[in-house]
Amino acid sequence: LAPTAVMPLKTHQTLLAAAKQKEVAMSKTNADLKEERDNLLKQLAKSGNPQQTVRRYKKILHQYRRGKNLCDAYKPVGVDRNTVGASAPIAELAIVAPRVQ
C-alpha cells in the first residue's frame, strides 16, 4: 500500500474501535435501564389497590412518628422510596375522597 493510503486506513480503524467501545457502553446502559424499568414495574404492581396503598402509607407515617427518618421508616414496611413516591398520590386521594370511585 502507498503511504498516503495507510493514514486513512489507520484513521478508519481508530474510528471503528471507538465506535465498538461506544456500542458496548450503550448496550450496558440499555441493559441497566431495562433492569431498572422492570424493577419499577414490579414495585408498581405491588402497590395494589387504594386501600392497600393507604394502609402502607399509614404504616410508614407511624414509623416516621416513632422517631425514624423517612429512609429508615420504609424498611420495616418493606417498600422503597420510589414505590412510596409513585403511590403517595393514590393514598392521598383515597384519604381525602374515600367514597369517590
N, C-alpha and C. Protein backbone atom coordinates (compact mmCIF):
# COMPACT_ATOMS: atom_id res chain seq x y z
N LEU A 1 0.83 -1.19 0.00
CA LEU A 1 0.00 0.00 0.00
C LEU A 1 0.87 1.25 0.00
N ALA A 2 0.35 2.26 -0.61
CA ALA A 2 1.06 3.53 -0.65
C ALA A 2 0.98 4.20 0.72
N PRO A 3 1.98 4.97 1.10
CA PRO A 3 1.97 5.63 2.40
C PRO A 3 0.77 6.55 2.60
N THR A 4 0.28 7.12 1.51
CA THR A 4 -0.88 8.01 1.64
C THR A 4 -2.16 7.23 1.90
N ALA A 5 -2.19 5.96 1.54
CA ALA A 5 -3.37 5.13 1.77
C ALA A 5 -3.39 4.58 3.19
N VAL A 6 -2.24 4.48 3.83
CA VAL A 6 -2.16 3.92 5.17
C VAL A 6 -2.78 4.85 6.20
N MET A 7 -2.59 6.15 6.05
CA MET A 7 -3.14 7.11 7.02
C MET A 7 -4.67 7.04 7.11
N PRO A 8 -5.40 7.09 6.00
CA PRO A 8 -6.86 6.98 6.11
C PRO A 8 -7.29 5.62 6.69
N LEU A 9 -6.54 4.58 6.36
CA LEU A 9 -6.87 3.25 6.88
C LEU A 9 -6.74 3.23 8.40
N LYS A 10 -5.65 3.78 8.93
CA LYS A 10 -5.46 3.83 10.38
C LYS A 10 -6.53 4.71 11.04
N THR A 11 -6.88 5.80 10.39
CA THR A 11 -7.91 6.68 10.93
C THR A 11 -9.24 5.94 11.04
N HIS A 12 -9.58 5.20 10.00
CA HIS A 12 -10.83 4.45 9.99
C HIS A 12 -10.79 3.32 11.02
N GLN A 13 -9.65 2.69 11.20
CA GLN A 13 -9.53 1.65 12.20
C GLN A 13 -9.73 2.23 13.61
N THR A 14 -9.17 3.39 13.85
CA THR A 14 -9.33 4.05 15.14
C THR A 14 -10.78 4.43 15.37
N LEU A 15 -11.42 4.96 14.33
CA LEU A 15 -12.84 5.32 14.45
C LEU A 15 -13.70 4.08 14.70
N LEU A 16 -13.37 2.99 14.04
CA LEU A 16 -14.11 1.75 14.22
C LEU A 16 -13.96 1.23 15.64
N ALA A 17 -12.76 1.27 16.18
CA ALA A 17 -12.52 0.81 17.55
C ALA A 17 -13.30 1.68 18.54
N ALA A 18 -13.31 2.98 18.32
CA ALA A 18 -14.05 3.88 19.20
C ALA A 18 -15.55 3.61 19.11
N ALA A 19 -16.05 3.34 17.92
CA ALA A 19 -17.46 3.05 17.74
C ALA A 19 -17.85 1.75 18.43
N LYS A 20 -16.97 0.76 18.38
CA LYS A 20 -17.24 -0.51 19.07
C LYS A 20 -17.29 -0.31 20.58
N GLN A 21 -16.37 0.49 21.11
CA GLN A 21 -16.39 0.77 22.55
C GLN A 21 -17.66 1.50 22.95
N LYS A 22 -18.08 2.43 22.11
CA LYS A 22 -19.30 3.18 22.39
C LYS A 22 -20.52 2.25 22.35
N GLU A 23 -20.52 1.31 21.40
CA GLU A 23 -21.62 0.35 21.30
C GLU A 23 -21.70 -0.53 22.54
N VAL A 24 -20.56 -0.96 23.05
CA VAL A 24 -20.54 -1.79 24.26
C VAL A 24 -21.08 -0.98 25.45
N ALA A 25 -20.64 0.26 25.57
CA ALA A 25 -21.11 1.11 26.66
C ALA A 25 -22.61 1.35 26.56
N MET A 26 -23.10 1.59 25.36
CA MET A 26 -24.53 1.82 25.16
C MET A 26 -25.34 0.56 25.47
N SER A 27 -24.81 -0.60 25.11
CA SER A 27 -25.50 -1.86 25.41
C SER A 27 -25.62 -2.05 26.91
N LYS A 28 -24.55 -1.75 27.63
CA LYS A 28 -24.58 -1.88 29.09
C LYS A 28 -25.58 -0.89 29.69
N THR A 29 -25.58 0.34 29.22
CA THR A 29 -26.53 1.33 29.70
C THR A 29 -27.96 0.90 29.41
N ASN A 30 -28.19 0.36 28.23
CA ASN A 30 -29.51 -0.11 27.84
C ASN A 30 -29.97 -1.24 28.75
N ALA A 31 -29.08 -2.18 29.05
CA ALA A 31 -29.42 -3.30 29.93
C ALA A 31 -29.73 -2.79 31.34
N ASP A 32 -28.95 -1.83 31.82
CA ASP A 32 -29.20 -1.26 33.15
C ASP A 32 -30.55 -0.55 33.21
N LEU A 33 -30.87 0.18 32.16
CA LEU A 33 -32.16 0.88 32.12
C LEU A 33 -33.33 -0.09 32.04
N LYS A 34 -33.18 -1.16 31.30
CA LYS A 34 -34.24 -2.17 31.23
C LYS A 34 -34.45 -2.83 32.58
N GLU A 35 -33.34 -3.12 33.28
CA GLU A 35 -33.45 -3.72 34.61
C GLU A 35 -34.15 -2.77 35.58
N GLU A 36 -33.79 -1.50 35.53
CA GLU A 36 -34.43 -0.51 36.40
C GLU A 36 -35.92 -0.39 36.08
N ARG A 37 -36.25 -0.38 34.78
CA ARG A 37 -37.65 -0.31 34.38
C ARG A 37 -38.44 -1.49 34.91
N ASP A 38 -37.86 -2.69 34.79
CA ASP A 38 -38.54 -3.89 35.27
C ASP A 38 -38.76 -3.85 36.77
N ASN A 39 -37.76 -3.36 37.51
CA ASN A 39 -37.90 -3.24 38.96
C ASN A 39 -38.99 -2.25 39.33
N LEU A 40 -39.05 -1.13 38.62
CA LEU A 40 -40.08 -0.14 38.91
C LEU A 40 -41.47 -0.67 38.58
N LEU A 41 -41.58 -1.44 37.49
CA LEU A 41 -42.87 -2.03 37.15
C LEU A 41 -43.32 -3.03 38.21
N LYS A 42 -42.37 -3.80 38.75
CA LYS A 42 -42.70 -4.74 39.82
C LYS A 42 -43.18 -4.00 41.06
N GLN A 43 -42.52 -2.88 41.37
CA GLN A 43 -42.90 -2.10 42.54
C GLN A 43 -44.30 -1.51 42.36
N LEU A 44 -44.59 -1.04 41.16
CA LEU A 44 -45.92 -0.51 40.90
C LEU A 44 -46.98 -1.60 40.98
N ALA A 45 -46.64 -2.79 40.52
CA ALA A 45 -47.59 -3.90 40.59
C ALA A 45 -47.86 -4.27 42.04
N LYS A 46 -46.85 -4.12 42.91
CA LYS A 46 -47.03 -4.43 44.33
C LYS A 46 -47.87 -3.40 45.04
N SER A 47 -48.03 -2.22 44.44
CA SER A 47 -48.73 -1.15 45.14
C SER A 47 -50.18 -1.51 45.43
N GLY A 48 -50.80 -2.38 44.61
CA GLY A 48 -52.13 -2.88 44.89
C GLY A 48 -53.22 -1.84 44.74
N ASN A 49 -54.33 -2.09 45.45
CA ASN A 49 -55.48 -1.19 45.35
C ASN A 49 -55.31 -0.01 46.31
N PRO A 50 -56.17 1.00 46.22
CA PRO A 50 -56.01 2.19 47.07
C PRO A 50 -56.03 1.89 48.57
N GLN A 51 -56.83 0.92 49.01
CA GLN A 51 -56.87 0.60 50.44
C GLN A 51 -55.52 0.07 50.92
N GLN A 52 -54.88 -0.77 50.12
CA GLN A 52 -53.55 -1.27 50.48
C GLN A 52 -52.54 -0.13 50.49
N THR A 53 -52.69 0.77 49.56
CA THR A 53 -51.78 1.92 49.49
C THR A 53 -51.92 2.79 50.72
N VAL A 54 -53.15 3.05 51.13
CA VAL A 54 -53.39 3.86 52.32
C VAL A 54 -52.83 3.16 53.56
N ARG A 55 -53.05 1.86 53.67
CA ARG A 55 -52.54 1.10 54.81
C ARG A 55 -51.02 1.20 54.88
N ARG A 56 -50.37 1.02 53.75
CA ARG A 56 -48.90 1.10 53.70
C ARG A 56 -48.43 2.53 54.03
N TYR A 57 -49.13 3.51 53.51
CA TYR A 57 -48.80 4.91 53.75
C TYR A 57 -48.88 5.22 55.25
N LYS A 58 -49.95 4.72 55.91
CA LYS A 58 -50.11 4.96 57.34
C LYS A 58 -49.04 4.24 58.15
N LYS A 59 -48.64 3.05 57.72
CA LYS A 59 -47.56 2.32 58.41
C LYS A 59 -46.26 3.12 58.34
N ILE A 60 -45.99 3.69 57.19
CA ILE A 60 -44.77 4.49 57.04
C ILE A 60 -44.84 5.72 57.93
N LEU A 61 -46.00 6.38 57.97
CA LEU A 61 -46.15 7.55 58.83
C LEU A 61 -45.99 7.16 60.31
N HIS A 62 -46.50 6.01 60.69
CA HIS A 62 -46.35 5.54 62.06
C HIS A 62 -44.87 5.34 62.39
N GLN A 63 -44.12 4.71 61.50
CA GLN A 63 -42.69 4.51 61.72
C GLN A 63 -41.96 5.85 61.78
N TYR A 64 -42.38 6.77 60.95
CA TYR A 64 -41.75 8.10 60.93
C TYR A 64 -42.00 8.83 62.26
N ARG A 65 -43.22 8.71 62.77
CA ARG A 65 -43.54 9.36 64.04
C ARG A 65 -42.79 8.74 65.22
N ARG A 66 -42.36 7.50 65.08
CA ARG A 66 -41.62 6.83 66.14
C ARG A 66 -40.17 7.33 66.22
N GLY A 67 -39.85 8.31 65.41
CA GLY A 67 -38.53 8.93 65.51
C GLY A 67 -37.57 8.52 64.42
N LYS A 68 -38.03 7.74 63.46
CA LYS A 68 -37.15 7.34 62.37
C LYS A 68 -37.21 8.39 61.26
N ASN A 69 -36.14 8.47 60.49
CA ASN A 69 -36.23 9.32 59.32
C ASN A 69 -36.99 8.55 58.24
N LEU A 70 -37.35 9.22 57.17
CA LEU A 70 -38.18 8.57 56.15
C LEU A 70 -37.50 7.35 55.54
N CYS A 71 -36.21 7.46 55.29
CA CYS A 71 -35.49 6.32 54.69
C CYS A 71 -35.58 5.10 55.59
N ASP A 72 -35.41 5.27 56.89
CA ASP A 72 -35.50 4.15 57.81
C ASP A 72 -36.93 3.70 58.03
N ALA A 73 -37.90 4.58 57.82
CA ALA A 73 -39.30 4.21 58.00
C ALA A 73 -39.79 3.29 56.89
N TYR A 74 -39.17 3.35 55.72
CA TYR A 74 -39.60 2.50 54.61
C TYR A 74 -39.22 1.03 54.82
N LYS A 75 -38.09 0.80 55.48
CA LYS A 75 -37.56 -0.56 55.60
C LYS A 75 -38.49 -1.52 56.33
N PRO A 76 -39.04 -1.19 57.52
CA PRO A 76 -39.91 -2.15 58.20
C PRO A 76 -41.19 -2.45 57.42
N VAL A 77 -41.63 -1.49 56.64
CA VAL A 77 -42.85 -1.68 55.85
C VAL A 77 -42.57 -2.53 54.62
N GLY A 78 -41.31 -2.54 54.17
CA GLY A 78 -40.93 -3.38 53.04
C GLY A 78 -41.11 -2.73 51.68
N VAL A 79 -41.03 -1.41 51.64
CA VAL A 79 -41.13 -0.72 50.36
C VAL A 79 -39.94 0.22 50.23
N ASP A 80 -39.71 0.69 49.03
CA ASP A 80 -38.63 1.65 48.84
C ASP A 80 -39.23 3.02 48.52
N ARG A 81 -38.35 3.99 48.45
CA ARG A 81 -38.75 5.38 48.25
C ARG A 81 -39.52 5.58 46.95
N ASN A 82 -39.11 4.89 45.88
CA ASN A 82 -39.77 5.07 44.59
C ASN A 82 -41.21 4.58 44.62
N THR A 83 -41.45 3.45 45.31
CA THR A 83 -42.81 2.92 45.40
C THR A 83 -43.70 3.89 46.16
N VAL A 84 -43.19 4.42 47.25
CA VAL A 84 -43.97 5.37 48.04
C VAL A 84 -44.23 6.63 47.21
N GLY A 85 -43.22 7.10 46.51
CA GLY A 85 -43.40 8.29 45.68
C GLY A 85 -44.43 8.09 44.59
N ALA A 86 -44.46 6.89 44.03
CA ALA A 86 -45.41 6.62 42.95
C ALA A 86 -46.82 6.42 43.48
N SER A 87 -46.94 5.87 44.69
CA SER A 87 -48.28 5.56 45.19
C SER A 87 -48.81 6.59 46.18
N ALA A 88 -48.01 7.57 46.59
CA ALA A 88 -48.48 8.58 47.54
C ALA A 88 -49.69 9.36 47.04
N PRO A 89 -49.73 9.78 45.79
CA PRO A 89 -50.94 10.50 45.33
C PRO A 89 -52.20 9.63 45.41
N ILE A 90 -52.06 8.33 45.17
CA ILE A 90 -53.21 7.43 45.28
C ILE A 90 -53.70 7.40 46.72
N ALA A 91 -52.75 7.28 47.66
CA ALA A 91 -53.12 7.25 49.08
C ALA A 91 -53.76 8.57 49.50
N GLU A 92 -53.20 9.67 49.08
CA GLU A 92 -53.73 10.97 49.45
C GLU A 92 -55.15 11.16 48.92
N LEU A 93 -55.39 10.76 47.68
CA LEU A 93 -56.73 10.87 47.12
C LEU A 93 -57.71 9.95 47.83
N ALA A 94 -57.26 8.75 48.16
CA ALA A 94 -58.13 7.80 48.85
C ALA A 94 -58.48 8.29 50.25
N ILE A 95 -57.55 8.99 50.90
CA ILE A 95 -57.82 9.54 52.24
C ILE A 95 -58.77 10.73 52.15
N VAL A 96 -58.54 11.61 51.20
CA VAL A 96 -59.37 12.83 51.08
C VAL A 96 -60.77 12.52 50.57
N ALA A 97 -60.87 11.65 49.59
CA ALA A 97 -62.16 11.32 48.98
C ALA A 97 -62.35 9.81 48.96
N PRO A 98 -62.64 9.19 50.12
CA PRO A 98 -62.68 7.73 50.17
C PRO A 98 -63.82 7.10 49.41
N ARG A 99 -64.92 7.80 49.22
CA ARG A 99 -66.09 7.18 48.59
C ARG A 99 -66.21 7.48 47.09
N VAL A 100 -65.34 8.28 46.56
CA VAL A 100 -65.37 8.61 45.14
C VAL A 100 -64.73 7.45 44.37
N GLN A 101 -65.42 7.00 43.33
CA GLN A 101 -64.86 5.88 42.55
C GLN A 101 -64.80 6.20 41.10
